[in-house]
Amino acid sequence: MTFFEAMQEIIKGRIVTDSKWNNTNEYCLINPRNSYLSIHKAGEPDDVLHEWLIHTQDMLSTTWVIK
């Protein structure tokens, strides 16, 4: 799906990842603690989330999937 379709899914409370990342342990969601758009990076504990700084490549991607 497109980035903007993925954002609609995130707003619904779903978790998304970009299939180009080849790692389902790296994903994007709304952080339940502060409501920021966030990313979980592979290899980090599940409760560690970072504010997601969106890059143009993220917005142009059409390989987003629901995790």
Protein backbone atom coordinates (compact mmCIF):
# COMPACT_ATOMS: atom_id res chain seq x y z
CA MET A 1 0.00 0.00 0.00
CA THR A 2 1.09 3.62 -0.31
CA PHE A 3 2.50 5.65 2.54
CA PHE A 4 -0.74 7.59 2.84
CA GLU A 5 -2.80 4.40 2.98
CA ALA A 6 -0.40 3.17 5.68
CA MET A 7 -1.00 6.38 7.64
CA GLN A 8 -4.75 5.73 7.52
CA GLU A 9 -4.13 2.27 8.97
CA ILE A 10 -1.90 3.70 11.72
CA ILE A 11 -4.64 6.17 12.65
CA LYS A 12 -6.98 3.17 13.02
CA GLY A 13 -4.51 1.72 15.53
CA ARG A 14 -2.76 -0.75 13.27
CA ILE A 15 0.99 -1.34 13.03
CA VAL A 16 2.69 -1.08 9.64
CA THR A 17 6.08 -1.88 8.20
CA ASP A 18 7.72 -1.37 4.84
CA SER A 19 8.34 -4.72 3.16
CA LYS A 20 11.60 -3.28 1.71
CA TRP A 21 13.01 -3.28 5.24
CA ASN A 22 12.90 -7.12 5.22
CA ASN A 23 12.38 -7.10 8.97
CA THR A 24 8.99 -7.29 10.67
CA ASN A 25 10.67 -6.25 13.94
CA GLU A 26 11.01 -2.73 12.50
CA TYR A 27 7.62 -1.08 12.35
CA CYS A 28 5.61 2.13 12.74
CA LEU A 29 2.68 2.98 14.97
CA ILE A 30 1.12 5.63 17.20
CA ASN A 31 2.97 5.58 20.52
CA PRO A 32 0.31 4.88 23.17
CA ARG A 33 2.26 6.87 25.79
CA ASN A 34 2.39 10.20 23.96
CA SER A 35 0.37 9.78 20.71
CA TYR A 36 3.42 10.57 18.53
CA LEU A 37 3.96 8.83 15.24
CA SER A 38 6.72 6.41 16.20
CA ILE A 39 9.05 3.74 14.90
CA HIS A 40 10.32 0.63 16.63
CA LYS A 41 13.79 -0.33 15.45
CA ALA A 42 14.80 -3.97 15.06
CA GLY A 43 16.93 -5.35 17.86
CA GLU A 44 15.57 -3.01 20.54
CA PRO A 45 13.24 -4.00 23.38
CA ASP A 46 9.55 -3.93 22.40
CA ASP A 47 8.79 -0.97 24.66
CA VAL A 48 11.47 1.28 23.08
CA LEU A 49 9.91 3.60 20.48
CA HIS A 50 11.39 6.61 18.70
CA GLU A 51 9.72 9.62 17.14
CA TRP A 52 9.54 8.84 13.45
CA LEU A 53 11.23 11.46 11.29
CA ILE A 54 9.57 10.83 7.95
CA HIS A 55 11.80 10.91 4.90
CA THR A 56 10.72 11.57 1.31
CA GLN A 57 11.57 7.95 0.48
CA ASP A 58 9.06 6.84 3.12
CA MET A 59 6.35 8.94 1.48
CA LEU A 60 7.15 7.67 -2.02
CA SER A 61 7.18 4.01 -1.03
CA THR A 62 4.34 1.78 -2.19
CA THR A 63 5.51 -1.30 -0.30
CA TRP A 64 3.87 -0.65 3.08
CA VAL A 65 2.08 -3.58 4.71
CA ILE A 66 0.12 -4.17 7.89
CA LYS A 67 2.19 -6.09 10.43
